[in-house]
Amino acid sequence: MDALTQEFQRNGRRLAVRLPYSLIVAGGGGRDIAVRAESVNLSKTGMRVRSESQLSPGQTVEVVLLEGTPHPVVARVVWVGPSAGSEQYEFGLEYVPRPSPLD
């Protein structure tokens, strides 16, 4: 498969970007848990992140950039795998659109 075909299958170009994030995950008893993560790459529809904590496909998280905008983005974990050469995990996150105020 050529790079152009692969790019279109992934719904957009990925940009290699390393930034610190906090992933806010709903925990037991109504308490949220903050998981530290670092981006590997970003696109207009999602991102790949690396963390020492493991998440599960289907989980919904709030993604908060630790340096910059205070506005979190909601995303869904679509895949999980080990990070090559480390004891960390990598996750594919797909942004979840927020409902329009007019809906």
C-alpha atoms as a PDB file:
ATOM      1  CA  MET A   1       0.000   0.000   0.000  1.00  0.00           C
ATOM      2  CA  ASP A   2       1.445   3.371  -0.971  1.00  0.00           C
ATOM      3  CA  ALA A   3       1.715   6.307   1.463  1.00  0.00           C
ATOM      4  CA  LEU A   4      -1.018   8.320  -0.292  1.00  0.00           C
ATOM      5  CA  THR A   5      -3.568   5.476  -0.034  1.00  0.00           C
ATOM      6  CA  GLN A   6      -2.659   4.938   3.608  1.00  0.00           C
ATOM      7  CA  GLU A   7      -3.083   8.682   4.339  1.00  0.00           C
ATOM      8  CA  PHE A   8      -6.627   8.713   2.935  1.00  0.00           C
ATOM      9  CA  GLN A   9      -7.577   5.557   4.838  1.00  0.00           C
ATOM     10  CA  ARG A  10      -6.529   7.312   8.031  1.00  0.00           C
ATOM     11  CA  ASN A  11      -8.891  10.262   7.409  1.00  0.00           C
ATOM     12  CA  GLY A  12      -6.200  12.875   7.078  1.00  0.00           C
ATOM     13  CA  ARG A  13      -2.555  13.670   7.432  1.00  0.00           C
ATOM     14  CA  ARG A  14      -0.818  12.950  10.718  1.00  0.00           C
ATOM     15  CA  LEU A  15       1.666  15.480  12.086  1.00  0.00           C
ATOM     16  CA  ALA A  16       4.367  14.267  14.477  1.00  0.00           C
ATOM     17  CA  VAL A  17       3.907  16.411  17.602  1.00  0.00           C
ATOM     18  CA  ARG A  18       5.109  15.706  21.154  1.00  0.00           C
ATOM     19  CA  LEU A  19       3.084  17.623  23.732  1.00  0.00           C
ATOM     20  CA  PRO A  20       2.100  16.810  27.346  1.00  0.00           C
ATOM     21  CA  TYR A  21      -1.567  15.991  27.976  1.00  0.00           C
ATOM     22  CA  SER A  22      -3.805  14.897  30.780  1.00  0.00           C
ATOM     23  CA  LEU A  23      -6.500  12.363  29.887  1.00  0.00           C
ATOM     24  CA  ILE A  24      -9.467  12.646  32.242  1.00  0.00           C
ATOM     25  CA  VAL A  25     -11.108   9.238  32.679  1.00  0.00           C
ATOM     26  CA  ALA A  26     -14.326   8.521  34.607  1.00  0.00           C
ATOM     27  CA  GLY A  27     -13.379   6.436  37.637  1.00  0.00           C
ATOM     28  CA  GLY A  28     -15.382   4.388  40.084  1.00  0.00           C
ATOM     29  CA  GLY A  29     -17.627   6.151  42.555  1.00  0.00           C
ATOM     30  CA  GLY A  30     -18.103   9.164  40.287  1.00  0.00           C
ATOM     31  CA  ARG A  31     -14.492  10.298  40.701  1.00  0.00           C
ATOM     32  CA  ASP A  32     -12.451  11.280  37.666  1.00  0.00           C
ATOM     33  CA  ILE A  33      -8.885  10.067  37.227  1.00  0.00           C
ATOM     34  CA  ALA A  34      -6.193  12.127  35.463  1.00  0.00           C
ATOM     35  CA  VAL A  35      -3.814  10.048  33.343  1.00  0.00           C
ATOM     36  CA  ARG A  36      -0.601  11.696  32.130  1.00  0.00           C
ATOM     37  CA  ALA A  37       0.107  11.210  28.433  1.00  0.00           C
ATOM     38  CA  GLU A  38       2.208  12.576  25.590  1.00  0.00           C
ATOM     39  CA  SER A  39       1.078  12.968  21.993  1.00  0.00           C
ATOM     40  CA  VAL A  40       2.901  11.058  19.252  1.00  0.00           C
ATOM     41  CA  ASN A  41       0.970  12.565  16.344  1.00  0.00           C
ATOM     42  CA  LEU A  42      -2.127  14.659  15.675  1.00  0.00           C
ATOM     43  CA  SER A  43      -4.664  14.962  12.866  1.00  0.00           C
ATOM     44  CA  LYS A  44      -7.929  16.819  12.400  1.00  0.00           C
ATOM     45  CA  THR A  45      -9.918  13.706  13.440  1.00  0.00           C
ATOM     46  CA  GLY A  46      -7.813  12.258  16.242  1.00  0.00           C
ATOM     47  CA  MET A  47      -4.462  11.664  17.842  1.00  0.00           C
ATOM     48  CA  ARG A  48      -2.007   9.001  18.921  1.00  0.00           C
ATOM     49  CA  VAL A  49      -0.809   9.254  22.517  1.00  0.00           C
ATOM     50  CA  ARG A  50       1.627   7.375  24.771  1.00  0.00           C
ATOM     51  CA  SER A  51       1.154   6.768  28.500  1.00  0.00           C
ATOM     52  CA  GLU A  52       2.282   4.536  31.352  1.00  0.00           C
ATOM     53  CA  SER A  53      -1.392   3.860  32.142  1.00  0.00           C
ATOM     54  CA  GLN A  54      -3.518   1.471  30.118  1.00  0.00           C
ATOM     55  CA  LEU A  55      -6.945   2.412  28.759  1.00  0.00           C
ATOM     56  CA  SER A  56      -9.499   0.252  26.952  1.00  0.00           C
ATOM     57  CA  PRO A  57     -11.023   0.573  23.489  1.00  0.00           C
ATOM     58  CA  GLY A  58     -14.400   2.290  23.683  1.00  0.00           C
ATOM     59  CA  GLN A  59     -13.528   4.428  26.716  1.00  0.00           C
ATOM     60  CA  THR A  60     -14.344   8.124  26.420  1.00  0.00           C
ATOM     61  CA  VAL A  61     -11.807  10.600  27.790  1.00  0.00           C
ATOM     62  CA  GLU A  62     -11.374  14.346  28.032  1.00  0.00           C
ATOM     63  CA  VAL A  63      -8.064  15.418  26.506  1.00  0.00           C
ATOM     64  CA  VAL A  64      -6.504  18.442  28.194  1.00  0.00           C
ATOM     65  CA  LEU A  65      -3.359  20.062  26.793  1.00  0.00           C
ATOM     66  CA  LEU A  66      -1.120  20.857  29.769  1.00  0.00           C
ATOM     67  CA  GLU A  67       0.576  23.792  28.046  1.00  0.00           C
ATOM     68  CA  GLY A  68      -1.875  26.100  26.328  1.00  0.00           C
ATOM     69  CA  THR A  69      -5.609  26.154  25.841  1.00  0.00           C
ATOM     70  CA  PRO A  70      -7.732  25.205  28.858  1.00  0.00           C
ATOM     71  CA  HIS A  71     -10.522  23.812  26.651  1.00  0.00           C
ATOM     72  CA  PRO A  72     -10.687  20.017  26.806  1.00  0.00           C
ATOM     73  CA  VAL A  73     -11.548  17.888  23.775  1.00  0.00           C
ATOM     74  CA  VAL A  74     -13.651  14.740  24.123  1.00  0.00           C
ATOM     75  CA  ALA A  75     -12.234  11.632  22.439  1.00  0.00           C
ATOM     76  CA  ARG A  76     -12.900   7.902  22.238  1.00  0.00           C
ATOM     77  CA  VAL A  77     -10.166   5.244  22.540  1.00  0.00           C
ATOM     78  CA  VAL A  78     -10.276   3.265  19.274  1.00  0.00           C
ATOM     79  CA  TRP A  79      -7.185   1.068  19.673  1.00  0.00           C
ATOM     80  CA  VAL A  80      -4.551   0.204  22.282  1.00  0.00           C
ATOM     81  CA  GLY A  81      -1.103  -1.334  21.889  1.00  0.00           C
ATOM     82  CA  PRO A  82       2.285  -1.588  23.547  1.00  0.00           C
ATOM     83  CA  SER A  83       4.782   1.169  22.834  1.00  0.00           C
ATOM     84  CA  ALA A  84       7.817  -0.273  21.057  1.00  0.00           C
ATOM     85  CA  GLY A  85      10.895  -0.530  23.253  1.00  0.00           C
ATOM     86  CA  SER A  86       9.234   0.599  26.495  1.00  0.00           C
ATOM     87  CA  GLU A  87       6.772  -0.445  29.170  1.00  0.00           C
ATOM     88  CA  GLN A  88       4.287   2.207  28.051  1.00  0.00           C
ATOM     89  CA  TYR A  89       1.087   1.931  26.029  1.00  0.00           C
ATOM     90  CA  GLU A  90      -0.034   3.783  22.917  1.00  0.00           C
ATOM     91  CA  PHE A  91      -3.634   4.720  22.119  1.00  0.00           C
ATOM     92  CA  GLY A  92      -5.481   5.859  19.066  1.00  0.00           C
ATOM     93  CA  LEU A  93      -7.996   8.552  20.030  1.00  0.00           C
ATOM     94  CA  GLU A  94     -10.834   9.716  17.777  1.00  0.00           C
ATOM     95  CA  TYR A  95     -12.330  13.104  18.569  1.00  0.00           C
ATOM     96  CA  VAL A  96     -16.020  13.030  19.502  1.00  0.00           C
ATOM     97  CA  PRO A  97     -17.988  15.958  18.067  1.00  0.00           C
ATOM     98  CA  ARG A  98     -19.782  18.073  20.637  1.00  0.00           C
ATOM     99  CA  PRO A  99     -23.478  18.648  19.999  1.00  0.00           C
ATOM    100  CA  SER A 100     -24.327  22.003  18.477  1.00  0.00           C
ATOM    101  CA  PRO A 101     -26.197  24.444  20.770  1.00  0.00           C
ATOM    102  CA  LEU A 102     -28.874  24.545  18.057  1.00  0.00           C
ATOM    103  CA  ASP A 103     -29.479  20.755  18.168  1.00  0.00           C
END
